[in-house]
């Protein structure tokens, strides 16, 4: 029979018999802290594999499809006719965007003005040009000579000193530039107005308290902050304008699409010539998209804790942030993601 004196009770705080025999758990580095195992995501991995497989199959079907006639695409890709059409497309895009945003900024300021006449005129312009299709506007400007055969410069409601025939003044290219500019001005005005309204009103009140004029407040304080909201939408408008210039082919303007159409109307190689235009549109859009990224990154200074990583930084951080890496998320991309959470 055991008595209480025959049973040894461990002292408080000392390990028991079972605890003393169990080896302490340690991490991979030999420390006493438990090892952290990242959570597995088999569904995510399976979805990525399936999406990548579908993408590879699609690319393979396009590359190996003889109907595209890739040799013909390579032959006409850098021909003089195609490059001339591309240059005209780029010229139209640049001119329309610059003039559109200059006039759109004026309309946006008029829309925000305290003058009811200026507000009404700006609203009416935006209402008219956003309510009518672009093709209708281009056809209207192309036939403007039927309404105004001559244009003159002189005293309002008085004699004219200089007159010129509209047919001799407005050719197809100039008509397309005017129509596209007036159309984009209406949308640019709303983009600029939305960007200005996105700025905290306290910024304007603080500038007025410091004695800054309204024009200087708008130029030095409001506009730089509004650019954070304006740039993404303006970038989309720029890309949309680049593709929208193809509609001027109905006016016989020798842009990229019309130049390609002239070629395949003679050779009857429709698909490869359309691929030439498509590849050029994709190439230019890619360059514009990269430029938009860096402009947005520039205006993001001071707004975010860390600037978004560039594509080169993403590539450098990819090995360190792979799911199988020992220290997942230890690279620059992982640190940037943690700071954005």
C-alpha atoms as a PDB file:
ATOM      1  CA  UNK A   1       0.000   0.000   0.000  1.00  0.00           C
ATOM      2  CA  UNK A   2       1.436   3.374  -1.051  1.00  0.00           C
ATOM      3  CA  UNK A   3       1.570   6.166   1.392  1.00  0.00           C
ATOM      4  CA  UNK A   4       1.691   9.867   0.499  1.00  0.00           C
ATOM      5  CA  UNK A   5       5.391   9.891   1.385  1.00  0.00           C
ATOM      6  CA  UNK A   6       6.115   7.241  -1.287  1.00  0.00           C
ATOM      7  CA  UNK A   7       4.703   9.425  -4.110  1.00  0.00           C
ATOM      8  CA  UNK A   8       6.948  12.200  -5.363  1.00  0.00           C
ATOM      9  CA  UNK A   9       5.091  15.314  -6.550  1.00  0.00           C
ATOM     10  CA  UNK A  10       7.030  17.665  -8.863  1.00  0.00           C
ATOM     11  CA  UNK A  11       7.579  21.107  -7.602  1.00  0.00           C
ATOM     12  CA  UNK A  12       5.580  24.015  -9.010  1.00  0.00           C
ATOM     13  CA  UNK A  13       7.097  25.278 -12.225  1.00  0.00           C
ATOM     14  CA  UNK A  14       9.257  22.185 -12.818  1.00  0.00           C
ATOM     15  CA  UNK A  15       8.523  19.953 -15.841  1.00  0.00           C
ATOM     16  CA  UNK A  16       6.610  16.783 -15.233  1.00  0.00           C
ATOM     17  CA  UNK A  17       7.803  13.299 -16.220  1.00  0.00           C
ATOM     18  CA  UNK A  18       6.031  13.339 -19.612  1.00  0.00           C
ATOM     19  CA  UNK A  19       7.084  16.859 -20.333  1.00  0.00           C
ATOM     20  CA  UNK A  20      10.704  16.121 -19.548  1.00  0.00           C
ATOM     21  CA  UNK A  21      10.763  13.220 -22.032  1.00  0.00           C
ATOM     22  CA  UNK A  22       9.120  15.266 -24.879  1.00  0.00           C
ATOM     23  CA  UNK A  23      11.672  17.160 -26.998  1.00  0.00           C
ATOM     24  CA  UNK A  24      10.979  20.862 -27.341  1.00  0.00           C
ATOM     25  CA  UNK A  25       9.476  22.049 -30.627  1.00  0.00           C
ATOM     26  CA  UNK A  26      11.701  24.284 -32.655  1.00  0.00           C
ATOM     27  CA  UNK A  27      11.530  26.133 -35.982  1.00  0.00           C
ATOM     28  CA  UNK A  28      13.594  25.481 -39.050  1.00  0.00           C
ATOM     29  CA  UNK A  29      16.337  27.755 -37.743  1.00  0.00           C
ATOM     30  CA  UNK A  30      16.730  25.791 -34.488  1.00  0.00           C
ATOM     31  CA  UNK A  31      15.034  28.402 -32.297  1.00  0.00           C
ATOM     32  CA  UNK A  32      12.274  27.589 -29.901  1.00  0.00           C
ATOM     33  CA  UNK A  33       9.628  29.494 -31.884  1.00  0.00           C
ATOM     34  CA  UNK A  34       7.128  27.387 -33.878  1.00  0.00           C
ATOM     35  CA  UNK A  35       7.675  27.095 -37.629  1.00  0.00           C
ATOM     36  CA  UNK A  36       5.139  29.046 -39.714  1.00  0.00           C
ATOM     37  CA  UNK A  37       3.802  27.070 -42.652  1.00  0.00           C
ATOM     38  CA  UNK A  38       2.035  29.093 -45.373  1.00  0.00           C
ATOM     39  CA  UNK A  39      -1.513  28.095 -46.177  1.00  0.00           C
ATOM     40  CA  UNK A  40      -1.967  25.948 -49.265  1.00  0.00           C
ATOM     41  CA  UNK A  41      -4.252  27.109 -52.081  1.00  0.00           C
ATOM     42  CA  UNK A  42      -4.801  24.146 -54.405  1.00  0.00           C
ATOM     43  CA  UNK A  43      -7.839  25.734 -56.041  1.00  0.00           C
ATOM     44  CA  UNK A  44      -5.874  28.863 -56.899  1.00  0.00           C
ATOM     45  CA  UNK A  45      -3.029  26.815 -58.349  1.00  0.00           C
ATOM     46  CA  UNK A  46      -5.441  24.689 -60.409  1.00  0.00           C
ATOM     47  CA  UNK A  47      -7.178  27.803 -61.776  1.00  0.00           C
ATOM     48  CA  UNK A  48      -3.816  29.303 -62.751  1.00  0.00           C
ATOM     49  CA  UNK A  49      -2.773  26.109 -64.556  1.00  0.00           C
ATOM     50  CA  UNK A  50      -6.065  25.907 -66.452  1.00  0.00           C
ATOM     51  CA  UNK A  51      -5.929  29.593 -67.437  1.00  0.00           C
ATOM     52  CA  UNK A  52      -2.327  29.265 -68.604  1.00  0.00           C
ATOM     53  CA  UNK A  53      -3.185  26.132 -70.595  1.00  0.00           C
ATOM     54  CA  UNK A  54      -6.109  27.909 -72.307  1.00  0.00           C
ATOM     55  CA  UNK A  55      -3.883  30.877 -73.129  1.00  0.00           C
ATOM     56  CA  UNK A  56      -1.196  28.635 -74.628  1.00  0.00           C
ATOM     57  CA  UNK A  57      -3.789  26.789 -76.716  1.00  0.00           C
ATOM     58  CA  UNK A  58      -5.195  30.089 -78.007  1.00  0.00           C
ATOM     59  CA  UNK A  59      -1.788  31.457 -78.944  1.00  0.00           C
ATOM     60  CA  UNK A  60      -0.854  28.169 -80.611  1.00  0.00           C
ATOM     61  CA  UNK A  61      -4.051  28.191 -82.684  1.00  0.00           C
ATOM     62  CA  UNK A  62      -3.350  31.742 -83.862  1.00  0.00           C
ATOM     63  CA  UNK A  63       0.315  31.178 -84.676  1.00  0.00           C
ATOM     64  CA  UNK A  64      -0.185  27.885 -86.499  1.00  0.00           C
ATOM     65  CA  UNK A  65      -3.302  28.962 -88.400  1.00  0.00           C
ATOM     66  CA  UNK A  66      -2.247  29.335 -92.040  1.00  0.00           C
ATOM     67  CA  UNK A  67      -5.242  31.544 -92.822  1.00  0.00           C
ATOM     68  CA  UNK A  68      -3.515  34.459 -91.110  1.00  0.00           C
ATOM     69  CA  UNK A  69      -0.692  34.283 -93.704  1.00  0.00           C
ATOM     70  CA  UNK A  70       2.028  35.554 -91.393  1.00  0.00           C
ATOM     71  CA  UNK A  71       4.487  35.862 -94.255  1.00  0.00           C
ATOM     72  CA  UNK A  72       2.157  38.407 -95.899  1.00  0.00           C
ATOM     73  CA  UNK A  73       1.815  40.215 -92.561  1.00  0.00           C
ATOM     74  CA  UNK A  74       5.586  40.518 -92.296  1.00  0.00           C
ATOM     75  CA  UNK A  75       5.862  41.726 -95.874  1.00  0.00           C
ATOM     76  CA  UNK A  76       3.370  44.604 -95.485  1.00  0.00           C
ATOM     77  CA  UNK A  77       4.084  45.474 -91.838  1.00  0.00           C
ATOM     78  CA  UNK A  78       6.640  48.196 -92.626  1.00  0.00           C
ATOM     79  CA  UNK A  79       5.614  49.246 -96.116  1.00  0.00           C
ATOM     80  CA  UNK A  80       5.511  52.947 -96.961  1.00  0.00           C
ATOM     81  CA  UNK A  81       1.722  53.084 -97.305  1.00  0.00           C
ATOM     82  CA  UNK A  82       1.161  51.509 -93.884  1.00  0.00           C
ATOM     83  CA  UNK A  83       3.762  53.703 -92.152  1.00  0.00           C
ATOM     84  CA  UNK A  84       2.286  56.850 -93.711  1.00  0.00           C
ATOM     85  CA  UNK A  85      -1.140  55.865 -92.444  1.00  0.00           C
ATOM     86  CA  UNK A  86       0.317  55.168 -88.998  1.00  0.00           C
ATOM     87  CA  UNK A  87       1.959  58.609 -88.871  1.00  0.00           C
ATOM     88  CA  UNK A  88      -1.311  60.297 -89.797  1.00  0.00           C
ATOM     89  CA  UNK A  89      -3.110  58.300 -87.099  1.00  0.00           C
ATOM     90  CA  UNK A  90      -0.546  59.359 -84.496  1.00  0.00           C
ATOM     91  CA  UNK A  91      -0.749  62.984 -85.640  1.00  0.00           C
ATOM     92  CA  UNK A  92      -4.537  62.981 -85.394  1.00  0.00           C
ATOM     93  CA  UNK A  93      -4.415  61.379 -81.941  1.00  0.00           C
ATOM     94  CA  UNK A  94      -1.883  63.854 -80.562  1.00  0.00           C
ATOM     95  CA  UNK A  95      -3.536  66.936 -82.049  1.00  0.00           C
ATOM     96  CA  UNK A  96      -7.018  65.912 -80.940  1.00  0.00           C
ATOM     97  CA  UNK A  97      -5.948  65.137 -77.375  1.00  0.00           C
ATOM     98  CA  UNK A  98      -3.928  68.350 -76.909  1.00  0.00           C
ATOM     99  CA  UNK A  99      -6.583  70.622 -78.386  1.00  0.00           C
ATOM    100  CA  UNK A 100      -9.391  68.662 -76.724  1.00  0.00           C
ATOM    101  CA  UNK A 101      -7.959  69.023 -73.234  1.00  0.00           C
ATOM    102  CA  UNK A 102      -7.031  72.678 -73.746  1.00  0.00           C
ATOM    103  CA  UNK A 103     -10.582  73.529 -74.783  1.00  0.00           C
ATOM    104  CA  UNK A 104     -12.002  71.072 -72.243  1.00  0.00           C
ATOM    105  CA  UNK A 105     -10.137  72.795 -69.404  1.00  0.00           C
ATOM    106  CA  UNK A 106     -11.637  76.128 -70.462  1.00  0.00           C
ATOM    107  CA  UNK A 107     -15.112  74.590 -70.522  1.00  0.00           C
ATOM    108  CA  UNK A 108     -14.562  72.977 -67.113  1.00  0.00           C
ATOM    109  CA  UNK A 109     -13.560  76.306 -65.582  1.00  0.00           C
ATOM    110  CA  UNK A 110     -16.611  77.919 -67.207  1.00  0.00           C
ATOM    111  CA  UNK A 111     -18.812  75.145 -65.784  1.00  0.00           C
ATOM    112  CA  UNK A 112     -17.468  75.837 -62.279  1.00  0.00           C
ATOM    113  CA  UNK A 113     -17.708  79.602 -62.684  1.00  0.00           C
ATOM    114  CA  UNK A 114     -20.092  81.747 -60.661  1.00  0.00           C
ATOM    115  CA  UNK A 115     -21.274  83.360 -63.903  1.00  0.00           C
ATOM    116  CA  UNK A 116     -24.601  81.739 -64.888  1.00  0.00           C
ATOM    117  CA  UNK A 117     -24.121  82.578 -68.570  1.00  0.00           C
ATOM    118  CA  UNK A 118     -20.763  80.812 -68.753  1.00  0.00           C
ATOM    119  CA  UNK A 119     -22.137  77.831 -66.823  1.00  0.00           C
ATOM    120  CA  UNK A 120     -25.091  77.511 -69.179  1.00  0.00           C
ATOM    121  CA  UNK A 121     -23.002  77.794 -72.347  1.00  0.00           C
ATOM    122  CA  UNK A 122     -20.528  75.186 -71.108  1.00  0.00           C
ATOM    123  CA  UNK A 123     -23.316  72.813 -70.105  1.00  0.00           C
ATOM    124  CA  UNK A 124     -25.023  73.280 -73.466  1.00  0.00           C
ATOM    125  CA  UNK A 125     -21.840  72.472 -75.395  1.00  0.00           C
ATOM    126  CA  UNK A 126     -21.256  69.283 -73.409  1.00  0.00           C
ATOM    127  CA  UNK A 127     -24.907  68.301 -73.754  1.00  0.00           C
ATOM    128  CA  UNK A 128     -24.978  68.668 -77.535  1.00  0.00           C
ATOM    129  CA  UNK A 129     -21.707  66.931 -78.369  1.00  0.00           C
ATOM    130  CA  UNK A 130     -22.251  64.066 -75.940  1.00  0.00           C
ATOM    131  CA  UNK A 131     -25.769  63.487 -77.255  1.00  0.00           C
ATOM    132  CA  UNK A 132     -24.832  62.918 -80.901  1.00  0.00           C
ATOM    133  CA  UNK A 133     -22.777  60.000 -82.296  1.00  0.00           C
ATOM    134  CA  UNK A 134     -19.252  60.710 -83.477  1.00  0.00           C
ATOM    135  CA  UNK A 135     -19.941  59.422 -86.985  1.00  0.00           C
ATOM    136  CA  UNK A 136     -22.890  61.797 -87.358  1.00  0.00           C
ATOM    137  CA  UNK A 137     -20.705  64.713 -86.263  1.00  0.00           C
ATOM    138  CA  UNK A 138     -17.969  63.818 -88.750  1.00  0.00           C
ATOM    139  CA  UNK A 139     -20.452  63.536 -91.615  1.00  0.00           C
ATOM    140  CA  UNK A 140     -21.987  66.838 -90.601  1.00  0.00           C
ATOM    141  CA  UNK A 141     -18.630  68.635 -90.658  1.00  0.00           C
ATOM    142  CA  UNK A 142     -17.704  66.934 -93.906  1.00  0.00           C
ATOM    143  CA  UNK A 143     -20.829  68.427 -95.529  1.00  0.00           C
ATOM    144  CA  UNK A 144     -20.576  71.820 -93.828  1.00  0.00           C
ATOM    145  CA  UNK A 145     -20.112  73.418 -97.249  1.00  0.00           C
ATOM    146  CA  UNK A 146     -23.772  72.771 -98.019  1.00  0.00           C
ATOM    147  CA  UNK A 147     -24.799  75.001 -95.090  1.00  0.00           C
ATOM    148  CA  UNK A 148     -22.044  77.623 -95.260  1.00  0.00           C
ATOM    149  CA  UNK A 149     -20.585  77.826 -98.771  1.00  0.00           C
ATOM    150  CA  UNK A 150     -18.288  80.713 -97.762  1.00  0.00           C
ATOM    151  CA  UNK A 151     -16.658  81.812 -94.525  1.00  0.00           C
ATOM    152  CA  UNK A 152     -15.771  85.440 -93.927  1.00  0.00           C
ATOM    153  CA  UNK A 153     -13.901  87.651 -91.471  1.00  0.00           C
ATOM    154  CA  UNK A 154     -15.183  91.140 -90.750  1.00  0.00           C
ATOM    155  CA  UNK A 155     -17.353  93.255 -88.478  1.00  0.00           C
ATOM    156  CA  UNK A 156     -20.070  91.302 -86.605  1.00  0.00           C
ATOM    157  CA  UNK A 157     -23.380  91.831 -88.375  1.00  0.00           C
ATOM    158  CA  UNK A 158     -21.537  94.128 -90.778  1.00  0.00           C
ATOM    159  CA  UNK A 159     -19.344  94.001 -93.865  1.00  0.00           C
ATOM    160  CA  UNK A 160     -16.835  91.194 -94.382  1.00  0.00           C
ATOM    161  CA  UNK A 161     -13.248  91.927 -95.344  1.00  0.00           C
ATOM    162  CA  UNK A 162     -12.006  88.404 -96.203  1.00  0.00           C
ATOM    163  CA  UNK A 163     -14.098  85.568 -97.608  1.00  0.00           C
ATOM    164  CA  UNK A 164     -13.052  82.032 -98.580  1.00  0.00           C
ATOM    165  CA  UNK A 165     -14.939  79.071 -99.956  1.00  0.00           C
ATOM    166  CA  UNK A 166     -15.509  76.339 -97.387  1.00  0.00           C
ATOM    167  CA  UNK A 167     -14.710  73.585 -99.894  1.00  0.00           C
ATOM    168  CA  UNK A 168     -11.235  75.031-100.460  1.00  0.00           C
ATOM    169  CA  UNK A 169     -10.621  75.580 -96.738  1.00  0.00           C
ATOM    170  CA  UNK A 170     -11.769  72.325 -95.150  1.00  0.00           C
ATOM    171  CA  UNK A 171     -10.275  69.161 -96.608  1.00  0.00           C
ATOM    172  CA  UNK A 172     -10.977  65.626 -95.350  1.00  0.00           C
ATOM    173  CA  UNK A 173      -8.036  65.571 -92.908  1.00  0.00           C
ATOM    174  CA  UNK A 174      -8.777  68.983 -91.412  1.00  0.00           C
ATOM    175  CA  UNK A 175     -12.466  68.119 -91.187  1.00  0.00           C
ATOM    176  CA  UNK A 176     -11.648  64.912 -89.311  1.00  0.00           C
ATOM    177  CA  UNK A 177      -9.359  66.822 -86.908  1.00  0.00           C
ATOM    178  CA  UNK A 178     -12.031  69.433 -86.199  1.00  0.00           C
ATOM    179  CA  UNK A 179     -14.777  66.864 -85.701  1.00  0.00           C
ATOM    180  CA  UNK A 180     -12.700  64.671 -83.392  1.00  0.00           C
ATOM    181  CA  UNK A 181     -11.451  67.669 -81.395  1.00  0.00           C
ATOM    182  CA  UNK A 182     -14.913  69.107 -80.772  1.00  0.00           C
ATOM    183  CA  UNK A 183     -16.169  65.651 -79.775  1.00  0.00           C
ATOM    184  CA  UNK A 184     -13.307  64.955 -77.356  1.00  0.00           C
ATOM    185  CA  UNK A 185     -13.554  68.459 -75.872  1.00  0.00           C
ATOM    186  CA  UNK A 186     -16.957  67.647 -74.396  1.00  0.00           C
ATOM    187  CA  UNK A 187     -15.628  64.541 -72.630  1.00  0.00           C
ATOM    188  CA  UNK A 188     -12.378  66.225 -71.577  1.00  0.00           C
ATOM    189  CA  UNK A 189     -14.379  69.025 -69.941  1.00  0.00           C
ATOM    190  CA  UNK A 190     -16.197  66.524 -67.734  1.00  0.00           C
ATOM    191  CA  UNK A 191     -12.959  64.712 -66.897  1.00  0.00           C
ATOM    192  CA  UNK A 192     -11.257  67.941 -65.813  1.00  0.00           C
ATOM    193  CA  UNK A 193     -14.326  69.110 -63.900  1.00  0.00           C
ATOM    194  CA  UNK A 194     -14.532  65.792 -62.043  1.00  0.00           C
ATOM    195  CA  UNK A 195     -10.838  65.990 -61.175  1.00  0.00           C
ATOM    196  CA  UNK A 196     -11.194  69.529 -59.806  1.00  0.00           C
ATOM    197  CA  UNK A 197     -14.226  68.564 -57.725  1.00  0.00           C
ATOM    198  CA  UNK A 198     -12.286  65.617 -56.262  1.00  0.00           C
ATOM    199  CA  UNK A 199      -9.906  68.000 -54.461  1.00  0.00           C
ATOM    200  CA  UNK A 200     -10.797  68.711 -50.840  1.00  0.00           C
ATOM    201  CA  UNK A 201     -12.486  72.145 -50.595  1.00  0.00           C
ATOM    202  CA  UNK A 202     -10.336  72.836 -47.550  1.00  0.00           C
ATOM    203  CA  UNK A 203      -7.333  73.206 -49.869  1.00  0.00           C
ATOM    204  CA  UNK A 204      -9.001  76.117 -51.654  1.00  0.00           C
ATOM    205  CA  UNK A 205     -10.114  77.679 -48.385  1.00  0.00           C
ATOM    206  CA  UNK A 206      -6.585  77.481 -47.011  1.00  0.00           C
ATOM    207  CA  UNK A 207      -5.209  79.119 -50.160  1.00  0.00           C
ATOM    208  CA  UNK A 208      -7.756  81.926 -49.897  1.00  0.00           C
ATOM    209  CA  UNK A 209      -6.809  82.426 -46.242  1.00  0.00           C
ATOM    210  CA  UNK A 210      -3.186  82.874 -47.346  1.00  0.00           C
ATOM    211  CA  UNK A 211      -4.241  85.542 -49.818  1.00  0.00           C
ATOM    212  CA  UNK A 212      -3.645  83.575 -53.038  1.00  0.00           C
ATOM    213  CA  UNK A 213      -5.625  84.602 -56.085  1.00  0.00           C
ATOM    214  CA  UNK A 214      -8.212  82.268 -57.621  1.00  0.00           C
ATOM    215  CA  UNK A 215      -6.083  81.710 -60.732  1.00  0.00           C
ATOM    216  CA  UNK A 216      -2.942  80.909 -58.737  1.00  0.00           C
ATOM    217  CA  UNK A 217      -4.866  78.627 -56.401  1.00  0.00           C
ATOM    218  CA  UNK A 218      -6.216  76.718 -59.375  1.00  0.00           C
ATOM    219  CA  UNK A 219      -2.810  76.463 -61.081  1.00  0.00           C
ATOM    220  CA  UNK A 220      -0.553  75.691 -58.109  1.00  0.00           C
ATOM    221  CA  UNK A 221      -2.784  73.848 -55.644  1.00  0.00           C
ATOM    222  CA  UNK A 222      -5.957  72.452 -57.194  1.00  0.00           C
ATOM    223  CA  UNK A 223      -4.724  71.214 -60.581  1.00  0.00           C
ATOM    224  CA  UNK A 224      -1.665  69.227 -59.279  1.00  0.00           C
ATOM    225  CA  UNK A 225      -3.922  67.346 -56.865  1.00  0.00           C
ATOM    226  CA  UNK A 226      -6.671  66.914 -59.430  1.00  0.00           C
ATOM    227  CA  UNK A 227      -4.215  65.262 -61.813  1.00  0.00           C
ATOM    228  CA  UNK A 228      -4.366  62.103 -59.689  1.00  0.00           C
ATOM    229  CA  UNK A 229      -7.980  61.694 -60.783  1.00  0.00           C
ATOM    230  CA  UNK A 230      -7.570  63.148 -64.264  1.00  0.00           C
ATOM    231  CA  UNK A 231      -4.600  61.101 -65.506  1.00  0.00           C
ATOM    232  CA  UNK A 232      -6.198  57.596 -65.426  1.00  0.00           C
ATOM    233  CA  UNK A 233      -9.296  58.754 -67.282  1.00  0.00           C
ATOM    234  CA  UNK A 234      -7.247  60.877 -69.666  1.00  0.00           C
ATOM    235  CA  UNK A 235      -5.085  57.844 -70.442  1.00  0.00           C
ATOM    236  CA  UNK A 236      -8.169  55.834 -71.318  1.00  0.00           C
ATOM    237  CA  UNK A 237      -9.391  58.699 -73.501  1.00  0.00           C
ATOM    238  CA  UNK A 238      -6.029  58.811 -75.275  1.00  0.00           C
ATOM    239  CA  UNK A 239      -6.164  55.118 -76.103  1.00  0.00           C
ATOM    240  CA  UNK A 240      -9.812  55.427 -77.099  1.00  0.00           C
ATOM    241  CA  UNK A 241      -8.982  58.341 -79.387  1.00  0.00           C
ATOM    242  CA  UNK A 242      -6.177  56.352 -81.009  1.00  0.00           C
ATOM    243  CA  UNK A 243      -8.605  53.583 -81.891  1.00  0.00           C
ATOM    244  CA  UNK A 244     -11.423  56.009 -82.631  1.00  0.00           C
ATOM    245  CA  UNK A 245      -9.428  57.681 -85.393  1.00  0.00           C
ATOM    246  CA  UNK A 246     -10.163  54.613 -87.518  1.00  0.00           C
ATOM    247  CA  UNK A 247     -13.666  55.979 -88.014  1.00  0.00           C
ATOM    248  CA  UNK A 248     -12.286  58.789 -90.198  1.00  0.00           C
ATOM    249  CA  UNK A 249     -11.744  56.194 -92.914  1.00  0.00           C
ATOM    250  CA  UNK A 250     -15.357  56.859 -93.942  1.00  0.00           C
ATOM    251  CA  UNK A 251     -14.180  60.350 -94.981  1.00  0.00           C
ATOM    252  CA  UNK A 252     -11.400  58.865 -97.161  1.00  0.00           C
ATOM    253  CA  UNK A 253      -8.733  60.119 -94.748  1.00  0.00           C
ATOM    254  CA  UNK A 254      -5.570  58.077 -95.262  1.00  0.00           C
ATOM    255  CA  UNK A 255      -5.149  56.866 -91.702  1.00  0.00           C
ATOM    256  CA  UNK A 256      -3.805  53.445 -90.753  1.00  0.00           C
ATOM    257  CA  UNK A 257      -7.039  51.546 -91.370  1.00  0.00           C
ATOM    258  CA  UNK A 258      -7.819  53.296 -94.663  1.00  0.00           C
ATOM    259  CA  UNK A 259      -4.271  52.669 -95.925  1.00  0.00           C
ATOM    260  CA  UNK A 260      -4.640  48.973 -95.153  1.00  0.00           C
ATOM    261  CA  UNK A 261      -8.014  48.902 -96.872  1.00  0.00           C
ATOM    262  CA  UNK A 262      -6.499  50.391-100.032  1.00  0.00           C
ATOM    263  CA  UNK A 263      -3.924  47.608-100.095  1.00  0.00           C
ATOM    264  CA  UNK A 264      -6.286  44.673 -99.583  1.00  0.00           C
ATOM    265  CA  UNK A 265      -8.747  46.103-102.098  1.00  0.00           C
ATOM    266  CA  UNK A 266      -5.989  45.490-104.672  1.00  0.00           C
ATOM    267  CA  UNK A 267      -4.515  42.226-103.351  1.00  0.00           C
ATOM    268  CA  UNK A 268      -7.707  40.699-101.824  1.00  0.00           C
ATOM    269  CA  UNK A 269      -5.646  39.594 -98.789  1.00  0.00           C
ATOM    270  CA  UNK A 270      -8.082  40.932 -96.224  1.00  0.00           C
ATOM    271  CA  UNK A 271      -7.141  38.944 -93.108  1.00  0.00           C
ATOM    272  CA  UNK A 272      -3.350  39.483 -93.166  1.00  0.00           C
ATOM    273  CA  UNK A 273      -3.737  43.215 -93.895  1.00  0.00           C
ATOM    274  CA  UNK A 274      -6.209  43.586 -91.040  1.00  0.00           C
ATOM    275  CA  UNK A 275      -3.662  41.807 -88.833  1.00  0.00           C
ATOM    276  CA  UNK A 276      -1.078  44.417 -89.859  1.00  0.00           C
ATOM    277  CA  UNK A 277      -3.361  47.201 -88.624  1.00  0.00           C
ATOM    278  CA  UNK A 278      -4.216  45.236 -85.481  1.00  0.00           C
ATOM    279  CA  UNK A 279      -0.577  44.660 -84.541  1.00  0.00           C
ATOM    280  CA  UNK A 280       0.257  48.339 -85.033  1.00  0.00           C
ATOM    281  CA  UNK A 281      -2.693  49.394 -82.860  1.00  0.00           C
ATOM    282  CA  UNK A 282      -1.583  46.931 -80.162  1.00  0.00           C
ATOM    283  CA  UNK A 283       2.026  48.161 -80.293  1.00  0.00           C
ATOM    284  CA  UNK A 284       1.095  51.843 -79.999  1.00  0.00           C
ATOM    285  CA  UNK A 285      -1.474  51.151 -77.274  1.00  0.00           C
ATOM    286  CA  UNK A 286       1.152  49.248 -75.273  1.00  0.00           C
ATOM    287  CA  UNK A 287       3.548  52.181 -75.435  1.00  0.00           C
ATOM    288  CA  UNK A 288       0.803  54.609 -74.394  1.00  0.00           C
ATOM    289  CA  UNK A 289      -0.220  52.324 -71.534  1.00  0.00           C
ATOM    290  CA  UNK A 290       3.367  52.214 -70.249  1.00  0.00           C
ATOM    291  CA  UNK A 291       3.565  55.999 -70.416  1.00  0.00           C
ATOM    292  CA  UNK A 292       0.286  56.307 -68.525  1.00  0.00           C
ATOM    293  CA  UNK A 293       1.658  54.054 -65.769  1.00  0.00           C
ATOM    294  CA  UNK A 294       4.691  56.277 -65.182  1.00  0.00           C
ATOM    295  CA  UNK A 295       2.639  59.477 -65.299  1.00  0.00           C
ATOM    296  CA  UNK A 296       0.254  58.054 -62.693  1.00  0.00           C
ATOM    297  CA  UNK A 297       3.252  56.976 -60.624  1.00  0.00           C
ATOM    298  CA  UNK A 298       4.651  60.512 -60.809  1.00  0.00           C
ATOM    299  CA  UNK A 299       1.469  62.149 -59.554  1.00  0.00           C
ATOM    300  CA  UNK A 300       1.065  59.504 -56.830  1.00  0.00           C
ATOM    301  CA  UNK A 301       3.988  60.994 -54.914  1.00  0.00           C
ATOM    302  CA  UNK A 302       2.926  62.138 -51.491  1.00  0.00           C
ATOM    303  CA  UNK A 303      -0.435  60.385 -51.723  1.00  0.00           C
ATOM    304  CA  UNK A 304       0.664  56.787 -51.013  1.00  0.00           C
ATOM    305  CA  UNK A 305       3.100  55.419 -48.468  1.00  0.00           C
ATOM    306  CA  UNK A 306       5.104  53.754 -51.210  1.00  0.00           C
ATOM    307  CA  UNK A 307       5.056  54.237 -54.958  1.00  0.00           C
ATOM    308  CA  UNK A 308       3.707  51.296 -56.964  1.00  0.00           C
ATOM    309  CA  UNK A 309       6.542  49.050 -58.208  1.00  0.00           C
ATOM    310  CA  UNK A 310       7.647  49.355 -61.806  1.00  0.00           C
ATOM    311  CA  UNK A 311       7.479  46.302 -64.116  1.00  0.00           C
ATOM    312  CA  UNK A 312      11.242  45.825 -63.694  1.00  0.00           C
ATOM    313  CA  UNK A 313      10.895  45.845 -59.910  1.00  0.00           C
ATOM    314  CA  UNK A 314       8.095  43.283 -60.167  1.00  0.00           C
ATOM    315  CA  UNK A 315      10.329  40.968 -62.205  1.00  0.00           C
ATOM    316  CA  UNK A 316      13.178  41.312 -59.717  1.00  0.00           C
ATOM    317  CA  UNK A 317      10.867  40.571 -56.787  1.00  0.00           C
ATOM    318  CA  UNK A 318       9.178  37.599 -58.450  1.00  0.00           C
ATOM    319  CA  UNK A 319      11.633  34.859 -57.272  1.00  0.00           C
ATOM    320  CA  UNK A 320      11.490  36.053 -53.663  1.00  0.00           C
ATOM    321  CA  UNK A 321       7.704  36.245 -53.664  1.00  0.00           C
ATOM    322  CA  UNK A 322       6.968  32.864 -55.246  1.00  0.00           C
ATOM    323  CA  UNK A 323       4.764  30.567 -53.128  1.00  0.00           C
ATOM    324  CA  UNK A 324       7.597  28.052 -52.753  1.00  0.00           C
ATOM    325  CA  UNK A 325      10.179  30.579 -51.576  1.00  0.00           C
ATOM    326  CA  UNK A 326      11.543  30.088 -48.068  1.00  0.00           C
ATOM    327  CA  UNK A 327      10.777  33.623 -46.998  1.00  0.00           C
ATOM    328  CA  UNK A 328       7.641  34.374 -49.028  1.00  0.00           C
ATOM    329  CA  UNK A 329       6.983  38.061 -49.371  1.00  0.00           C
ATOM    330  CA  UNK A 330      10.506  39.044 -48.389  1.00  0.00           C
ATOM    331  CA  UNK A 331      11.222  40.831 -51.673  1.00  0.00           C
ATOM    332  CA  UNK A 332      10.406  44.440 -52.590  1.00  0.00           C
ATOM    333  CA  UNK A 333       7.048  43.442 -54.031  1.00  0.00           C
ATOM    334  CA  UNK A 334       6.095  41.616 -50.849  1.00  0.00           C
ATOM    335  CA  UNK A 335       7.086  44.593 -48.710  1.00  0.00           C
ATOM    336  CA  UNK A 336       5.114  46.920 -51.000  1.00  0.00           C
ATOM    337  CA  UNK A 337       2.044  44.676 -50.759  1.00  0.00           C
ATOM    338  CA  UNK A 338       2.261  44.649 -46.971  1.00  0.00           C
ATOM    339  CA  UNK A 339       2.477  48.435 -46.809  1.00  0.00           C
ATOM    340  CA  UNK A 340      -0.603  48.776 -49.024  1.00  0.00           C
ATOM    341  CA  UNK A 341      -2.769  46.543 -46.826  1.00  0.00           C
END
